[in-house]
Amino acid sequence: MNRKIVLSQSTSVHSSANIFNIRKKRSSISLGSHTTVLGELLTFRHGGKITMGDYCYVGENARIWSAENIKIGNFVLISHDVNIFDSDTHPIRAKERRKHYKSIITTGHPDEIDLNEKAICIQDDAWIGAKSIILKGVTIGEGAIVGAGSVVTKDVPAWTIVAGNPAKVIRKLKKNER
């Protein structure tokens, strides 16, 4: 059992996975049963929480970085090279970015910083296509599909396919496709 995160017995964290619980609070990263992680999970020192349900998949080179809260439901597929960020990851003002960067390279991530955090929620049965980017404050509805290479900046309705940069609704899934 990994002491840095909460794992179910049937959870699989592959050798390619990187888990950085910089926050150092064990409950900051929690993975449900039959979940497989090949990518990277990271919580910032000043905050962040990643919760994944059962039967989820995080593909190779996918990155899920939390400074606030990223909640992922059950049976969610996150393809390879996906990036999910619930913050700006760095301050907007150049002077603050300089200070932030200096802190990271000298003493590590700061204990207090404002990164304009907004929680993300990815609901059950969603599928995030390869090389997509999910940005702060977004909810991806139940059964929604994000097309490969999309940049999601707004909520995605349940049982809807979105694609593009920025992602736009392509169509609703038919009853027999759900």
N, C-alpha and C. Protein backbone atom coordinates (compact mmCIF):
# COMPACT_ATOMS: atom_id res chain seq x y z
N MET A 1 0.84 -1.19 0.00
CA MET A 1 0.00 0.00 0.00
C MET A 1 0.88 1.25 0.00
N ASN A 2 0.64 2.16 -0.94
CA ASN A 2 1.36 3.42 -1.02
C ASN A 2 0.85 4.36 0.08
N ARG A 3 1.74 4.84 0.92
CA ARG A 3 1.34 5.69 2.05
C ARG A 3 1.03 7.13 1.64
N LYS A 4 1.39 7.52 0.40
CA LYS A 4 1.15 8.88 -0.05
C LYS A 4 -0.24 9.10 -0.63
N ILE A 5 -0.93 8.01 -0.98
CA ILE A 5 -2.25 8.11 -1.58
C ILE A 5 -3.15 7.00 -1.04
N VAL A 6 -4.45 7.15 -1.31
CA VAL A 6 -5.40 6.12 -0.92
C VAL A 6 -5.69 5.26 -2.15
N LEU A 7 -5.38 3.97 -2.05
CA LEU A 7 -5.57 3.02 -3.15
C LEU A 7 -6.51 1.91 -2.72
N SER A 8 -7.29 1.41 -3.67
CA SER A 8 -8.03 0.17 -3.44
C SER A 8 -7.08 -0.99 -3.75
N GLN A 9 -7.36 -2.17 -3.22
CA GLN A 9 -6.49 -3.32 -3.47
C GLN A 9 -6.37 -3.65 -4.95
N SER A 10 -7.41 -3.44 -5.72
CA SER A 10 -7.41 -3.81 -7.13
C SER A 10 -6.97 -2.67 -8.05
N THR A 11 -6.49 -1.57 -7.50
CA THR A 11 -6.00 -0.45 -8.30
C THR A 11 -4.63 -0.79 -8.84
N SER A 12 -4.36 -0.37 -10.08
CA SER A 12 -3.09 -0.66 -10.72
C SER A 12 -2.38 0.65 -11.07
N VAL A 13 -1.23 0.88 -10.43
CA VAL A 13 -0.40 2.04 -10.75
C VAL A 13 0.84 1.48 -11.45
N HIS A 14 0.94 1.70 -12.75
CA HIS A 14 2.01 1.11 -13.55
C HIS A 14 3.36 1.80 -13.32
N SER A 15 4.40 1.14 -13.75
CA SER A 15 5.76 1.68 -13.58
C SER A 15 5.95 2.98 -14.35
N SER A 16 5.14 3.22 -15.39
CA SER A 16 5.24 4.47 -16.15
C SER A 16 4.56 5.64 -15.43
N ALA A 17 3.79 5.34 -14.40
CA ALA A 17 3.03 6.38 -13.69
C ALA A 17 3.95 7.19 -12.77
N ASN A 18 3.60 8.45 -12.61
CA ASN A 18 4.26 9.34 -11.64
C ASN A 18 3.18 9.93 -10.76
N ILE A 19 3.35 9.76 -9.45
CA ILE A 19 2.39 10.34 -8.52
C ILE A 19 3.15 11.26 -7.57
N PHE A 20 2.79 12.55 -7.63
CA PHE A 20 3.44 13.57 -6.82
C PHE A 20 2.40 14.20 -5.90
N ASN A 21 2.34 13.72 -4.69
CA ASN A 21 1.43 14.29 -3.70
C ASN A 21 2.25 15.31 -2.90
N ILE A 22 2.51 16.45 -3.55
CA ILE A 22 3.33 17.49 -2.92
C ILE A 22 2.63 18.02 -1.68
N ARG A 23 1.31 17.94 -1.66
CA ARG A 23 0.54 18.40 -0.50
C ARG A 23 0.83 17.55 0.73
N LYS A 24 1.21 16.30 0.52
CA LYS A 24 1.60 15.36 1.58
C LYS A 24 0.46 14.98 2.52
N LYS A 25 -0.75 15.21 2.09
CA LYS A 25 -1.92 14.76 2.86
C LYS A 25 -2.44 13.52 2.14
N ARG A 26 -2.41 12.38 2.81
CA ARG A 26 -2.71 11.10 2.17
C ARG A 26 -4.03 11.12 1.41
N SER A 27 -5.05 11.73 1.96
CA SER A 27 -6.36 11.74 1.32
C SER A 27 -6.45 12.68 0.12
N SER A 28 -5.36 13.36 -0.21
CA SER A 28 -5.36 14.28 -1.35
C SER A 28 -5.47 13.56 -2.69
N ILE A 29 -5.03 12.30 -2.74
CA ILE A 29 -5.16 11.50 -3.96
C ILE A 29 -5.80 10.18 -3.58
N SER A 30 -6.95 9.90 -4.17
CA SER A 30 -7.69 8.69 -3.85
C SER A 30 -8.14 8.01 -5.14
N LEU A 31 -7.80 6.73 -5.29
CA LEU A 31 -8.11 5.98 -6.51
C LEU A 31 -9.02 4.82 -6.19
N GLY A 32 -10.12 4.69 -6.94
CA GLY A 32 -11.09 3.64 -6.72
C GLY A 32 -10.63 2.27 -7.20
N SER A 33 -11.48 1.30 -7.00
CA SER A 33 -11.13 -0.08 -7.36
C SER A 33 -11.10 -0.27 -8.88
N HIS A 34 -10.24 -1.15 -9.32
CA HIS A 34 -10.08 -1.51 -10.73
C HIS A 34 -9.70 -0.31 -11.60
N THR A 35 -9.09 0.69 -11.00
CA THR A 35 -8.61 1.87 -11.72
C THR A 35 -7.16 1.64 -12.10
N THR A 36 -6.80 2.05 -13.31
CA THR A 36 -5.45 1.88 -13.84
C THR A 36 -4.85 3.24 -14.16
N VAL A 37 -3.65 3.50 -13.65
CA VAL A 37 -2.97 4.77 -13.91
C VAL A 37 -1.63 4.49 -14.58
N LEU A 38 -1.44 5.04 -15.77
CA LEU A 38 -0.16 4.98 -16.47
C LEU A 38 0.47 6.37 -16.55
N GLY A 39 -0.32 7.42 -16.31
CA GLY A 39 0.13 8.80 -16.44
C GLY A 39 0.57 9.41 -15.12
N GLU A 40 0.37 10.73 -14.99
CA GLU A 40 0.86 11.47 -13.83
C GLU A 40 -0.28 12.13 -13.07
N LEU A 41 -0.21 12.02 -11.74
CA LEU A 41 -1.14 12.70 -10.85
C LEU A 41 -0.31 13.60 -9.95
N LEU A 42 -0.73 14.86 -9.76
CA LEU A 42 0.02 15.80 -8.95
C LEU A 42 -0.91 16.70 -8.17
N THR A 43 -0.64 16.85 -6.87
CA THR A 43 -1.31 17.87 -6.07
C THR A 43 -0.26 18.88 -5.63
N PHE A 44 -0.61 20.15 -5.65
CA PHE A 44 0.29 21.21 -5.25
C PHE A 44 0.41 21.24 -3.72
N ARG A 45 1.47 21.85 -3.21
CA ARG A 45 1.70 21.91 -1.77
C ARG A 45 0.62 22.71 -1.05
N HIS A 46 0.15 23.80 -1.65
CA HIS A 46 -0.82 24.67 -0.98
C HIS A 46 -2.25 24.12 -1.04
N GLY A 47 -2.49 23.12 -1.86
CA GLY A 47 -3.84 22.57 -1.96
C GLY A 47 -3.93 21.59 -3.11
N GLY A 48 -5.10 21.06 -3.28
CA GLY A 48 -5.33 20.13 -4.37
C GLY A 48 -5.84 18.79 -3.88
N LYS A 49 -6.74 18.24 -4.67
CA LYS A 49 -7.29 16.93 -4.35
C LYS A 49 -7.69 16.27 -5.66
N ILE A 50 -7.34 15.00 -5.80
CA ILE A 50 -7.72 14.21 -6.97
C ILE A 50 -8.45 12.97 -6.44
N THR A 51 -9.69 12.81 -6.86
CA THR A 51 -10.48 11.65 -6.47
C THR A 51 -10.98 10.98 -7.73
N MET A 52 -10.62 9.69 -7.88
CA MET A 52 -11.07 8.92 -9.04
C MET A 52 -11.93 7.77 -8.55
N GLY A 53 -13.02 7.52 -9.27
CA GLY A 53 -13.92 6.43 -8.92
C GLY A 53 -13.38 5.07 -9.36
N ASP A 54 -14.29 4.12 -9.49
CA ASP A 54 -13.95 2.76 -9.86
C ASP A 54 -13.88 2.60 -11.38
N TYR A 55 -13.05 1.67 -11.83
CA TYR A 55 -12.92 1.31 -13.24
C TYR A 55 -12.55 2.50 -14.13
N CYS A 56 -11.63 3.32 -13.65
CA CYS A 56 -11.15 4.45 -14.45
C CYS A 56 -9.80 4.09 -15.07
N TYR A 57 -9.43 4.83 -16.10
CA TYR A 57 -8.17 4.61 -16.80
C TYR A 57 -7.54 5.96 -17.08
N VAL A 58 -6.23 6.09 -16.76
CA VAL A 58 -5.45 7.28 -17.09
C VAL A 58 -4.29 6.82 -17.95
N GLY A 59 -4.28 7.23 -19.22
CA GLY A 59 -3.31 6.76 -20.20
C GLY A 59 -1.91 7.32 -20.02
N GLU A 60 -0.99 6.76 -20.79
CA GLU A 60 0.40 7.19 -20.74
C GLU A 60 0.53 8.67 -21.08
N ASN A 61 1.42 9.33 -20.37
CA ASN A 61 1.73 10.75 -20.55
C ASN A 61 0.56 11.68 -20.24
N ALA A 62 -0.54 11.16 -19.73
CA ALA A 62 -1.63 12.03 -19.29
C ALA A 62 -1.20 12.69 -17.99
N ARG A 63 -1.59 13.94 -17.78
CA ARG A 63 -1.26 14.66 -16.56
C ARG A 63 -2.52 15.23 -15.95
N ILE A 64 -2.70 14.96 -14.67
CA ILE A 64 -3.82 15.51 -13.91
C ILE A 64 -3.20 16.26 -12.74
N TRP A 65 -3.24 17.60 -12.80
CA TRP A 65 -2.62 18.46 -11.80
C TRP A 65 -3.69 19.23 -11.06
N SER A 66 -3.70 19.09 -9.73
CA SER A 66 -4.74 19.75 -8.93
C SER A 66 -4.16 20.69 -7.88
N ALA A 67 -4.69 21.91 -7.88
CA ALA A 67 -4.42 22.89 -6.83
C ALA A 67 -5.70 23.17 -6.04
N GLU A 68 -6.82 22.63 -6.51
CA GLU A 68 -8.14 22.84 -5.89
C GLU A 68 -8.81 21.48 -5.67
N ASN A 69 -9.52 20.99 -6.70
CA ASN A 69 -10.22 19.71 -6.58
C ASN A 69 -10.58 19.19 -7.97
N ILE A 70 -10.16 17.98 -8.27
CA ILE A 70 -10.55 17.31 -9.50
C ILE A 70 -11.24 16.01 -9.10
N LYS A 71 -12.52 15.94 -9.42
CA LYS A 71 -13.31 14.76 -9.07
C LYS A 71 -13.67 14.03 -10.34
N ILE A 72 -13.29 12.75 -10.40
CA ILE A 72 -13.51 11.92 -11.57
C ILE A 72 -14.41 10.76 -11.14
N GLY A 73 -15.51 10.56 -11.85
CA GLY A 73 -16.49 9.54 -11.49
C GLY A 73 -16.02 8.12 -11.81
N ASN A 74 -16.96 7.23 -12.02
CA ASN A 74 -16.69 5.82 -12.33
C ASN A 74 -16.68 5.59 -13.84
N PHE A 75 -15.89 4.61 -14.26
CA PHE A 75 -15.81 4.21 -15.67
C PHE A 75 -15.42 5.37 -16.59
N VAL A 76 -14.52 6.22 -16.13
CA VAL A 76 -14.03 7.34 -16.92
C VAL A 76 -12.74 6.93 -17.61
N LEU A 77 -12.67 7.15 -18.92
CA LEU A 77 -11.47 6.85 -19.69
C LEU A 77 -10.77 8.15 -20.06
N ILE A 78 -9.53 8.28 -19.62
CA ILE A 78 -8.70 9.45 -19.93
C ILE A 78 -7.55 8.94 -20.79
N SER A 79 -7.59 9.25 -22.07
CA SER A 79 -6.62 8.72 -23.03
C SER A 79 -5.23 9.28 -22.82
N HIS A 80 -4.28 8.78 -23.61
CA HIS A 80 -2.89 9.22 -23.47
C HIS A 80 -2.73 10.68 -23.89
N ASP A 81 -1.75 11.31 -23.26
CA ASP A 81 -1.36 12.71 -23.55
C ASP A 81 -2.43 13.74 -23.21
N VAL A 82 -3.39 13.40 -22.37
CA VAL A 82 -4.41 14.35 -21.92
C VAL A 82 -3.82 15.19 -20.79
N ASN A 83 -4.18 16.47 -20.73
CA ASN A 83 -3.78 17.35 -19.63
C ASN A 83 -5.04 17.92 -18.99
N ILE A 84 -5.09 17.81 -17.64
CA ILE A 84 -6.22 18.32 -16.88
C ILE A 84 -5.65 19.20 -15.77
N PHE A 85 -6.02 20.50 -15.77
CA PHE A 85 -5.51 21.47 -14.80
C PHE A 85 -6.66 22.25 -14.18
N ASP A 86 -6.74 22.28 -12.85
CA ASP A 86 -7.80 23.04 -12.18
C ASP A 86 -7.33 24.41 -11.70
N SER A 87 -6.22 24.88 -12.28
CA SER A 87 -5.68 26.20 -11.93
C SER A 87 -4.91 26.75 -13.13
N ASP A 88 -4.39 27.97 -12.97
CA ASP A 88 -3.54 28.54 -14.02
C ASP A 88 -2.13 27.93 -14.00
N THR A 89 -1.79 27.18 -12.98
CA THR A 89 -0.50 26.52 -12.69
C THR A 89 0.62 27.50 -12.35
N HIS A 90 0.52 28.74 -12.78
CA HIS A 90 1.47 29.80 -12.42
C HIS A 90 0.69 31.11 -12.29
N PRO A 91 1.19 32.06 -11.51
CA PRO A 91 0.50 33.35 -11.40
C PRO A 91 0.47 34.10 -12.74
N ILE A 92 -0.53 34.92 -12.91
CA ILE A 92 -0.68 35.72 -14.13
C ILE A 92 0.37 36.82 -14.22
N ARG A 93 0.61 37.53 -13.11
CA ARG A 93 1.55 38.64 -13.11
C ARG A 93 3.00 38.14 -13.21
N ALA A 94 3.77 38.76 -14.09
CA ALA A 94 5.16 38.35 -14.33
C ALA A 94 6.00 38.38 -13.05
N LYS A 95 5.84 39.42 -12.25
CA LYS A 95 6.62 39.54 -11.01
C LYS A 95 6.31 38.35 -10.07
N GLU A 96 5.03 37.98 -9.98
CA GLU A 96 4.65 36.85 -9.14
C GLU A 96 5.13 35.52 -9.73
N ARG A 97 5.14 35.42 -11.08
CA ARG A 97 5.66 34.21 -11.73
C ARG A 97 7.14 34.03 -11.43
N ARG A 98 7.88 35.13 -11.48
CA ARG A 98 9.32 35.06 -11.15
C ARG A 98 9.52 34.53 -9.73
N LYS A 99 8.77 35.09 -8.79
CA LYS A 99 8.87 34.68 -7.39
C LYS A 99 8.48 33.20 -7.24
N HIS A 100 7.42 32.81 -7.93
CA HIS A 100 6.94 31.43 -7.88
C HIS A 100 8.01 30.47 -8.41
N TYR A 101 8.58 30.80 -9.56
CA TYR A 101 9.60 29.95 -10.16
C TYR A 101 10.83 29.84 -9.25
N LYS A 102 11.27 30.97 -8.70
CA LYS A 102 12.42 30.95 -7.78
C LYS A 102 12.14 30.06 -6.58
N SER A 103 10.93 30.14 -6.06
CA SER A 103 10.54 29.30 -4.93
C SER A 103 10.62 27.82 -5.31
N ILE A 104 10.07 27.46 -6.47
CA ILE A 104 10.07 26.06 -6.90
C ILE A 104 11.49 25.50 -6.99
N ILE A 105 12.41 26.28 -7.57
CA ILE A 105 13.77 25.74 -7.77
C ILE A 105 14.66 25.83 -6.53
N THR A 106 14.29 26.66 -5.56
CA THR A 106 15.13 26.77 -4.36
C THR A 106 14.58 26.01 -3.16
N THR A 107 13.29 26.17 -2.89
CA THR A 107 12.72 25.52 -1.69
C THR A 107 11.53 24.62 -2.00
N GLY A 108 11.12 24.53 -3.26
CA GLY A 108 9.97 23.72 -3.64
C GLY A 108 8.72 24.56 -3.80
N HIS A 109 7.64 23.90 -4.12
CA HIS A 109 6.36 24.61 -4.31
C HIS A 109 5.98 25.35 -3.04
N PRO A 110 5.45 26.57 -3.17
CA PRO A 110 5.10 27.37 -1.99
C PRO A 110 3.89 26.83 -1.24
N ASP A 111 3.86 27.11 0.05
CA ASP A 111 2.73 26.71 0.89
C ASP A 111 1.49 27.58 0.65
N GLU A 112 1.71 28.81 0.20
CA GLU A 112 0.60 29.72 -0.06
C GLU A 112 0.82 30.40 -1.40
N ILE A 113 -0.19 30.33 -2.26
CA ILE A 113 -0.13 30.99 -3.56
C ILE A 113 -1.53 31.00 -4.16
N ASP A 114 -1.86 32.02 -4.93
CA ASP A 114 -3.14 32.09 -5.62
C ASP A 114 -2.90 31.76 -7.09
N LEU A 115 -3.43 30.63 -7.52
CA LEU A 115 -3.31 30.21 -8.91
C LEU A 115 -4.67 30.22 -9.63
N ASN A 116 -5.60 31.02 -9.08
CA ASN A 116 -6.92 31.17 -9.69
C ASN A 116 -7.59 29.80 -9.88
N GLU A 117 -7.64 29.03 -8.82
CA GLU A 117 -8.14 27.66 -8.85
C GLU A 117 -9.65 27.58 -9.01
N LYS A 118 -10.11 26.59 -9.77
CA LYS A 118 -11.54 26.30 -9.91
C LYS A 118 -11.67 24.79 -10.13
N ALA A 119 -12.52 24.16 -9.34
CA ALA A 119 -12.67 22.70 -9.37
C ALA A 119 -13.14 22.18 -10.73
N ILE A 120 -12.78 20.94 -11.00
CA ILE A 120 -13.19 20.22 -12.20
C ILE A 120 -13.95 18.98 -11.76
N CYS A 121 -15.01 18.65 -12.51
CA CYS A 121 -15.77 17.42 -12.25
C CYS A 121 -15.96 16.69 -13.58
N ILE A 122 -15.53 15.44 -13.62
CA ILE A 122 -15.73 14.59 -14.79
C ILE A 122 -16.64 13.46 -14.33
N GLN A 123 -17.84 13.44 -14.86
CA GLN A 123 -18.85 12.50 -14.37
C GLN A 123 -18.72 11.11 -14.99
N ASP A 124 -19.46 10.17 -14.43
CA ASP A 124 -19.40 8.76 -14.83
C ASP A 124 -19.48 8.58 -16.35
N ASP A 125 -18.73 7.57 -16.82
CA ASP A 125 -18.78 7.10 -18.21
C ASP A 125 -18.28 8.11 -19.24
N ALA A 126 -17.62 9.16 -18.81
CA ALA A 126 -17.05 10.12 -19.77
C ALA A 126 -15.80 9.53 -20.40
N TRP A 127 -15.49 9.98 -21.60
CA TRP A 127 -14.30 9.54 -22.34
C TRP A 127 -13.59 10.80 -22.84
N ILE A 128 -12.35 10.98 -22.41
CA ILE A 128 -11.55 12.13 -22.82
C ILE A 128 -10.55 11.64 -23.86
N GLY A 129 -10.69 12.11 -25.10
CA GLY A 129 -9.85 11.66 -26.20
C GLY A 129 -8.41 12.13 -26.08
N ALA A 130 -7.52 11.40 -26.76
CA ALA A 130 -6.08 11.64 -26.72
C ALA A 130 -5.72 13.10 -27.03
N LYS A 131 -4.73 13.59 -26.30
CA LYS A 131 -4.15 14.92 -26.49
C LYS A 131 -5.13 16.07 -26.22
N SER A 132 -6.19 15.79 -25.49
CA SER A 132 -7.14 16.85 -25.11
C SER A 132 -6.64 17.59 -23.88
N ILE A 133 -7.15 18.79 -23.70
CA ILE A 133 -6.83 19.61 -22.54
C ILE A 133 -8.14 20.02 -21.88
N ILE A 134 -8.23 19.76 -20.56
CA ILE A 134 -9.40 20.14 -19.79
C ILE A 134 -8.95 21.24 -18.83
N LEU A 135 -9.58 22.41 -18.91
CA LEU A 135 -9.15 23.54 -18.11
C LEU A 135 -10.06 23.76 -16.90
N LYS A 136 -9.59 24.58 -15.98
CA LYS A 136 -10.22 24.82 -14.68
C LYS A 136 -11.70 25.19 -14.79
N GLY A 137 -12.44 24.76 -13.76
CA GLY A 137 -13.84 25.15 -13.62
C GLY A 137 -14.82 24.38 -14.48
N VAL A 138 -14.37 23.36 -15.20
CA VAL A 138 -15.22 22.65 -16.16
C VAL A 138 -15.88 21.44 -15.51
N THR A 139 -17.13 21.19 -15.91
CA THR A 139 -17.81 19.93 -15.60
C THR A 139 -18.06 19.22 -16.91
N ILE A 140 -17.64 17.97 -16.97
CA ILE A 140 -17.90 17.14 -18.14
C ILE A 140 -18.99 16.16 -17.72
N GLY A 141 -20.13 16.25 -18.38
CA GLY A 141 -21.31 15.50 -17.99
C GLY A 141 -21.20 14.00 -18.20
N GLU A 142 -22.12 13.30 -17.59
CA GLU A 142 -22.18 11.84 -17.67
C GLU A 142 -22.20 11.38 -19.12
N GLY A 143 -21.35 10.40 -19.45
CA GLY A 143 -21.33 9.80 -20.76
C GLY A 143 -20.83 10.69 -21.88
N ALA A 144 -20.34 11.88 -21.57
CA ALA A 144 -19.86 12.80 -22.60
C ALA A 144 -18.57 12.27 -23.22
N ILE A 145 -18.34 12.65 -24.46
CA ILE A 145 -17.12 12.26 -25.18
C ILE A 145 -16.43 13.54 -25.65
N VAL A 146 -15.13 13.66 -25.30
CA VAL A 146 -14.31 14.79 -25.74
C VAL A 146 -13.41 14.26 -26.85
N GLY A 147 -13.59 14.80 -28.06
CA GLY A 147 -12.81 14.35 -29.21
C GLY A 147 -11.33 14.64 -29.04
N ALA A 148 -10.51 13.81 -29.67
CA ALA A 148 -9.05 13.93 -29.58
C ALA A 148 -8.60 15.34 -29.94
N GLY A 149 -7.63 15.84 -29.17
CA GLY A 149 -7.03 17.15 -29.45
C GLY A 149 -7.88 18.34 -29.07
N SER A 150 -8.96 18.13 -28.35
CA SER A 150 -9.85 19.24 -27.99
C SER A 150 -9.32 20.03 -26.80
N VAL A 151 -9.73 21.29 -26.73
CA VAL A 151 -9.44 22.14 -25.58
C VAL A 151 -10.78 22.53 -24.96
N VAL A 152 -11.05 21.97 -23.77
CA VAL A 152 -12.34 22.16 -23.13
C VAL A 152 -12.23 23.31 -22.13
N THR A 153 -12.96 24.40 -22.41
CA THR A 153 -12.94 25.59 -21.58
C THR A 153 -14.29 25.86 -20.91
N LYS A 154 -15.33 25.11 -21.33
CA LYS A 154 -16.69 25.29 -20.81
C LYS A 154 -17.29 23.93 -20.51
N ASP A 155 -18.34 23.92 -19.71
CA ASP A 155 -19.02 22.69 -19.35
C ASP A 155 -19.47 21.92 -20.59
N VAL A 156 -19.43 20.59 -20.47
CA VAL A 156 -19.88 19.70 -21.54
C VAL A 156 -21.14 18.98 -21.05
N PRO A 157 -22.26 19.12 -21.76
CA PRO A 157 -23.49 18.46 -21.33
C PRO A 157 -23.35 16.93 -21.35
N ALA A 158 -24.17 16.27 -20.55
CA ALA A 158 -24.20 14.80 -20.52
C ALA A 158 -24.53 14.25 -21.90
N TRP A 159 -23.96 13.09 -22.21
CA TRP A 159 -24.26 12.33 -23.42
C TRP A 159 -24.11 13.18 -24.69
N THR A 160 -23.03 13.95 -24.73
CA THR A 160 -22.75 14.85 -25.84
C THR A 160 -21.33 14.62 -26.32
N ILE A 161 -21.11 14.74 -27.61
CA ILE A 161 -19.76 14.71 -28.17
C ILE A 161 -19.34 16.15 -28.44
N VAL A 162 -18.14 16.51 -27.94
CA VAL A 162 -17.57 17.83 -28.23
C VAL A 162 -16.20 17.63 -28.87
N ALA A 163 -15.77 18.60 -29.65
CA ALA A 163 -14.44 18.54 -30.27
C ALA A 163 -14.03 19.94 -30.69
N GLY A 164 -12.73 20.12 -30.85
CA GLY A 164 -12.19 21.37 -31.37
C GLY A 164 -11.48 22.20 -30.34
N ASN A 165 -11.00 23.37 -30.80
CA ASN A 165 -10.30 24.32 -29.95
C ASN A 165 -10.85 25.71 -30.23
N PRO A 166 -11.69 26.23 -29.33
CA PRO A 166 -12.21 25.57 -28.13
C PRO A 166 -13.25 24.51 -28.51
N ALA A 167 -13.46 23.56 -27.61
CA ALA A 167 -14.39 22.47 -27.88
C ALA A 167 -15.81 23.01 -28.05
N LYS A 168 -16.49 22.48 -29.07
CA LYS A 168 -17.88 22.83 -29.34
C LYS A 168 -18.68 21.54 -29.49
N VAL A 169 -19.98 21.65 -29.22
CA VAL A 169 -20.84 20.49 -29.34
C VAL A 169 -20.90 20.04 -30.80
N ILE A 170 -20.62 18.76 -31.01
CA ILE A 170 -20.74 18.15 -32.34
C ILE A 170 -22.14 17.56 -32.49
N ARG A 171 -22.54 16.79 -31.47
CA ARG A 171 -23.90 16.25 -31.47
C ARG A 171 -24.20 15.57 -30.15
N LYS A 172 -25.48 15.34 -29.90
CA LYS A 172 -25.92 14.55 -28.75
C LYS A 172 -25.81 13.08 -29.12
N LEU A 173 -25.49 12.25 -28.15
CA LEU A 173 -25.49 10.81 -28.38
C LEU A 173 -26.93 10.31 -28.40
N LYS A 174 -27.22 9.44 -29.34
CA LYS A 174 -28.57 8.86 -29.44
C LYS A 174 -28.76 7.86 -28.30
N LYS A 175 -30.00 7.58 -27.99
CA LYS A 175 -30.33 6.64 -26.91
C LYS A 175 -29.59 5.32 -27.07
N ASN A 176 -29.51 4.80 -28.28
CA ASN A 176 -28.86 3.51 -28.50
C ASN A 176 -27.32 3.60 -28.47
N GLU A 177 -26.77 4.81 -28.33
CA GLU A 177 -25.32 5.00 -28.23
C GLU A 177 -24.87 5.21 -26.77
N ARG A 178 -25.82 5.30 -25.86
CA ARG A 178 -25.50 5.60 -24.48
C ARG A 178 -25.15 4.36 -23.69
